[in-house]
C-alpha cells in the first residue's frame, strides 16, 4: 500500500477526487496517501471521467485518452486528458 499511497500523494492535489476499481475501500491507502480514494465498479468509470479527477486502475489501456501519472504495485494513476 505504501508505494501506491506515495504515488497518489505526490501526483495529486489534496482536494483531488480519486477513484479506484478496487471492489472495496482501502482505509490504509486513504491514511498513507492523505487522500480519500473511492472504490467504484469498473463499469462506472465513464460516469466519473472528467477533468480534474484521478483514477487508480489495473488496466488503463481500456480507457479513453488519459495522462499516465505513474505506476506502482501494478496500479496506474491516471487523469483524463
N, C-alpha and C. Protein backbone atom coordinates (compact mmCIF):
# COMPACT_ATOMS: atom_id res chain seq x y z
N UNK A 1 0.82 -1.20 0.00
CA UNK A 1 0.00 0.00 0.00
C UNK A 1 0.86 1.27 0.00
N UNK A 2 1.97 1.25 0.70
CA UNK A 2 2.77 2.47 0.84
C UNK A 2 3.31 3.01 -0.48
N UNK A 3 3.81 2.19 -1.41
CA UNK A 3 4.27 2.75 -2.69
C UNK A 3 3.14 3.40 -3.49
N UNK A 4 1.97 2.79 -3.47
CA UNK A 4 0.82 3.35 -4.18
C UNK A 4 0.40 4.66 -3.52
N UNK A 5 0.35 4.67 -2.20
CA UNK A 5 -0.02 5.88 -1.46
C UNK A 5 0.96 7.01 -1.73
N UNK A 6 2.24 6.71 -1.77
CA UNK A 6 3.25 7.74 -2.05
C UNK A 6 3.05 8.33 -3.44
N UNK A 7 2.75 7.49 -4.42
CA UNK A 7 2.50 7.98 -5.77
C UNK A 7 1.27 8.88 -5.78
N UNK A 8 0.18 8.45 -5.15
CA UNK A 8 -1.05 9.24 -5.11
C UNK A 8 -0.79 10.59 -4.44
N UNK A 9 -0.10 10.57 -3.31
CA UNK A 9 0.19 11.80 -2.56
C UNK A 9 1.05 12.77 -3.37
N UNK A 10 2.02 12.25 -4.09
CA UNK A 10 2.93 13.14 -4.82
C UNK A 10 2.36 13.65 -6.15
N UNK A 11 1.38 12.94 -6.72
CA UNK A 11 0.89 13.28 -8.05
C UNK A 11 -0.50 13.91 -8.09
N UNK A 12 -1.15 14.06 -6.93
CA UNK A 12 -2.50 14.63 -6.90
C UNK A 12 -2.58 15.75 -5.87
N UNK A 13 -3.42 16.75 -6.13
CA UNK A 13 -3.63 17.79 -5.12
C UNK A 13 -4.44 17.24 -3.95
N UNK A 14 -4.34 17.88 -2.79
CA UNK A 14 -5.02 17.40 -1.59
C UNK A 14 -6.52 17.25 -1.77
N UNK A 15 -7.14 18.14 -2.52
CA UNK A 15 -8.60 18.13 -2.67
C UNK A 15 -9.06 17.26 -3.85
N UNK A 16 -8.16 16.52 -4.44
CA UNK A 16 -8.48 15.72 -5.64
C UNK A 16 -9.52 14.65 -5.36
N UNK A 17 -10.33 14.38 -6.38
CA UNK A 17 -11.24 13.24 -6.35
C UNK A 17 -10.51 12.08 -7.00
N UNK A 18 -10.31 11.02 -6.23
CA UNK A 18 -9.57 9.86 -6.71
C UNK A 18 -10.46 8.63 -6.63
N UNK A 19 -10.59 7.94 -7.75
CA UNK A 19 -11.43 6.76 -7.81
C UNK A 19 -10.56 5.55 -8.15
N UNK A 20 -10.96 4.41 -7.65
CA UNK A 20 -10.24 3.18 -7.96
C UNK A 20 -11.21 2.08 -8.30
N UNK A 21 -10.74 1.12 -9.05
CA UNK A 21 -11.58 0.00 -9.43
C UNK A 21 -11.43 -1.16 -8.45
N UNK A 22 -10.83 -0.90 -7.28
CA UNK A 22 -10.87 -1.91 -6.23
C UNK A 22 -12.33 -2.22 -5.96
N UNK A 23 -12.62 -3.41 -5.50
CA UNK A 23 -14.01 -3.76 -5.21
C UNK A 23 -14.42 -3.33 -3.81
N UNK A 24 -13.49 -2.73 -3.08
CA UNK A 24 -13.78 -2.28 -1.71
C UNK A 24 -12.87 -1.10 -1.37
N UNK A 25 -13.25 -0.34 -0.35
CA UNK A 25 -12.43 0.79 0.09
C UNK A 25 -11.19 0.28 0.82
N UNK A 26 -10.11 1.03 0.73
CA UNK A 26 -8.85 0.67 1.38
C UNK A 26 -8.47 1.76 2.37
N UNK A 27 -8.90 1.68 3.62
CA UNK A 27 -8.59 2.71 4.61
C UNK A 27 -7.10 2.99 4.76
N UNK A 28 -6.27 1.97 4.63
CA UNK A 28 -4.83 2.19 4.76
C UNK A 28 -4.31 3.04 3.60
N UNK A 29 -4.87 2.89 2.42
CA UNK A 29 -4.47 3.72 1.29
C UNK A 29 -4.89 5.17 1.53
N UNK A 30 -6.10 5.36 2.05
CA UNK A 30 -6.54 6.71 2.41
C UNK A 30 -5.59 7.34 3.43
N UNK A 31 -5.24 6.57 4.44
CA UNK A 31 -4.39 7.08 5.51
C UNK A 31 -3.00 7.46 4.98
N UNK A 32 -2.33 6.55 4.32
CA UNK A 32 -0.96 6.81 3.87
C UNK A 32 -0.88 7.83 2.74
N UNK A 33 -1.91 7.93 1.93
CA UNK A 33 -1.89 8.92 0.83
C UNK A 33 -2.39 10.28 1.28
N UNK A 34 -3.05 10.31 2.43
CA UNK A 34 -3.68 11.54 2.93
C UNK A 34 -4.71 12.06 1.92
N UNK A 35 -5.37 11.12 1.26
CA UNK A 35 -6.42 11.41 0.29
C UNK A 35 -7.55 10.41 0.50
N UNK A 36 -8.72 10.74 0.01
CA UNK A 36 -9.82 9.78 0.03
C UNK A 36 -9.87 9.11 -1.34
N UNK A 37 -9.68 7.81 -1.34
CA UNK A 37 -9.71 7.03 -2.57
C UNK A 37 -11.01 6.23 -2.56
N UNK A 38 -11.87 6.49 -3.53
CA UNK A 38 -13.23 5.96 -3.55
C UNK A 38 -13.31 4.76 -4.49
N UNK A 39 -13.78 3.64 -3.96
CA UNK A 39 -13.93 2.43 -4.78
C UNK A 39 -15.20 2.54 -5.63
N UNK A 40 -15.05 2.24 -6.93
CA UNK A 40 -16.20 2.21 -7.85
C UNK A 40 -16.08 0.97 -8.71
N UNK A 41 -17.17 0.56 -9.30
CA UNK A 41 -17.15 -0.56 -10.25
C UNK A 41 -16.47 -0.09 -11.54
N UNK A 42 -15.73 -0.94 -12.19
CA UNK A 42 -15.03 -0.54 -13.41
C UNK A 42 -15.99 -0.02 -14.48
N UNK A 43 -17.23 -0.52 -14.47
CA UNK A 43 -18.22 -0.05 -15.44
C UNK A 43 -18.65 1.40 -15.18
N UNK A 44 -18.37 1.92 -13.98
CA UNK A 44 -18.78 3.27 -13.62
C UNK A 44 -17.75 4.34 -14.00
N UNK A 45 -16.59 3.95 -14.45
CA UNK A 45 -15.54 4.93 -14.74
C UNK A 45 -16.03 6.02 -15.68
N UNK A 46 -16.76 5.66 -16.71
CA UNK A 46 -17.23 6.66 -17.68
C UNK A 46 -18.07 7.74 -17.02
N UNK A 47 -18.82 7.41 -15.98
CA UNK A 47 -19.63 8.39 -15.26
C UNK A 47 -18.77 9.44 -14.57
N UNK A 48 -17.59 9.06 -14.14
CA UNK A 48 -16.70 9.94 -13.38
C UNK A 48 -15.60 10.55 -14.25
N UNK A 49 -15.49 10.13 -15.49
CA UNK A 49 -14.40 10.52 -16.39
C UNK A 49 -14.56 11.99 -16.78
N UNK A 50 -13.89 12.87 -16.08
CA UNK A 50 -13.95 14.31 -16.35
C UNK A 50 -12.65 14.95 -15.89
N UNK A 51 -12.37 16.17 -16.34
CA UNK A 51 -11.13 16.84 -15.93
C UNK A 51 -11.04 16.95 -14.41
N UNK A 52 -9.82 16.98 -13.93
CA UNK A 52 -9.52 17.14 -12.50
C UNK A 52 -10.00 15.98 -11.64
N UNK A 53 -10.13 14.80 -12.23
CA UNK A 53 -10.37 13.59 -11.47
C UNK A 53 -9.21 12.64 -11.73
N UNK A 54 -9.00 11.73 -10.81
CA UNK A 54 -7.87 10.82 -10.89
C UNK A 54 -8.37 9.40 -10.66
N UNK A 55 -7.69 8.45 -11.30
CA UNK A 55 -8.11 7.06 -11.24
C UNK A 55 -6.92 6.15 -10.99
N UNK A 56 -7.11 5.18 -10.10
CA UNK A 56 -6.14 4.11 -9.87
C UNK A 56 -6.74 2.86 -10.51
N UNK A 57 -6.10 2.36 -11.55
CA UNK A 57 -6.66 1.22 -12.27
C UNK A 57 -5.58 0.19 -12.58
N UNK A 58 -6.03 -1.03 -12.86
CA UNK A 58 -5.11 -2.10 -13.23
C UNK A 58 -4.87 -2.17 -14.74
N UNK A 59 -5.88 -1.82 -15.54
CA UNK A 59 -5.76 -1.94 -16.99
C UNK A 59 -6.18 -0.63 -17.68
N UNK A 60 -5.29 0.33 -17.74
CA UNK A 60 -5.65 1.63 -18.32
C UNK A 60 -5.87 1.62 -19.81
N UNK A 61 -5.35 0.61 -20.51
CA UNK A 61 -5.45 0.60 -21.97
C UNK A 61 -6.90 0.52 -22.45
N UNK A 62 -7.83 0.17 -21.59
CA UNK A 62 -9.23 0.07 -21.97
C UNK A 62 -9.97 1.40 -21.83
N UNK A 63 -9.28 2.46 -21.45
CA UNK A 63 -9.92 3.74 -21.18
C UNK A 63 -9.67 4.74 -22.31
N UNK A 64 -10.50 5.81 -22.37
CA UNK A 64 -10.27 6.86 -23.38
C UNK A 64 -8.93 7.57 -23.12
N UNK A 65 -8.65 8.60 -23.85
CA UNK A 65 -7.39 9.33 -23.73
C UNK A 65 -7.13 9.76 -22.29
N UNK A 66 -5.92 9.50 -21.83
CA UNK A 66 -5.56 9.85 -20.46
C UNK A 66 -4.09 10.19 -20.36
N UNK A 67 -3.74 10.86 -19.27
CA UNK A 67 -2.35 11.15 -18.95
C UNK A 67 -1.93 10.18 -17.86
N UNK A 68 -0.88 9.42 -18.10
CA UNK A 68 -0.35 8.47 -17.12
C UNK A 68 0.52 9.24 -16.13
N UNK A 69 0.18 9.17 -14.84
CA UNK A 69 0.92 9.89 -13.81
C UNK A 69 1.90 9.01 -13.04
N UNK A 70 1.81 7.70 -13.24
CA UNK A 70 2.74 6.80 -12.57
C UNK A 70 2.16 5.42 -12.40
N UNK A 71 3.08 4.47 -12.10
CA UNK A 71 2.69 3.08 -11.87
C UNK A 71 3.39 2.61 -10.60
N UNK A 72 2.63 1.95 -9.73
CA UNK A 72 3.18 1.37 -8.51
C UNK A 72 2.39 0.12 -8.16
N UNK A 73 3.10 -0.95 -7.84
CA UNK A 73 2.46 -2.20 -7.41
C UNK A 73 1.38 -2.69 -8.39
N UNK A 74 1.60 -2.48 -9.67
CA UNK A 74 0.64 -2.95 -10.68
C UNK A 74 -0.55 -2.06 -10.90
N UNK A 75 -0.58 -0.90 -10.24
CA UNK A 75 -1.68 0.05 -10.42
C UNK A 75 -1.18 1.29 -11.13
N UNK A 76 -1.98 1.80 -12.05
CA UNK A 76 -1.64 3.01 -12.79
C UNK A 76 -2.50 4.15 -12.28
N UNK A 77 -1.85 5.28 -12.01
CA UNK A 77 -2.57 6.50 -11.63
C UNK A 77 -2.68 7.34 -12.89
N UNK A 78 -3.91 7.72 -13.23
CA UNK A 78 -4.10 8.49 -14.45
C UNK A 78 -5.18 9.54 -14.26
N UNK A 79 -5.21 10.47 -15.21
CA UNK A 79 -6.22 11.52 -15.24
C UNK A 79 -6.63 11.73 -16.69
N UNK A 80 -7.88 12.08 -16.96
CA UNK A 80 -8.32 12.32 -18.33
C UNK A 80 -7.54 13.47 -18.97
N UNK A 81 -7.28 13.37 -20.27
CA UNK A 81 -6.62 14.46 -21.00
C UNK A 81 -7.62 15.50 -21.38
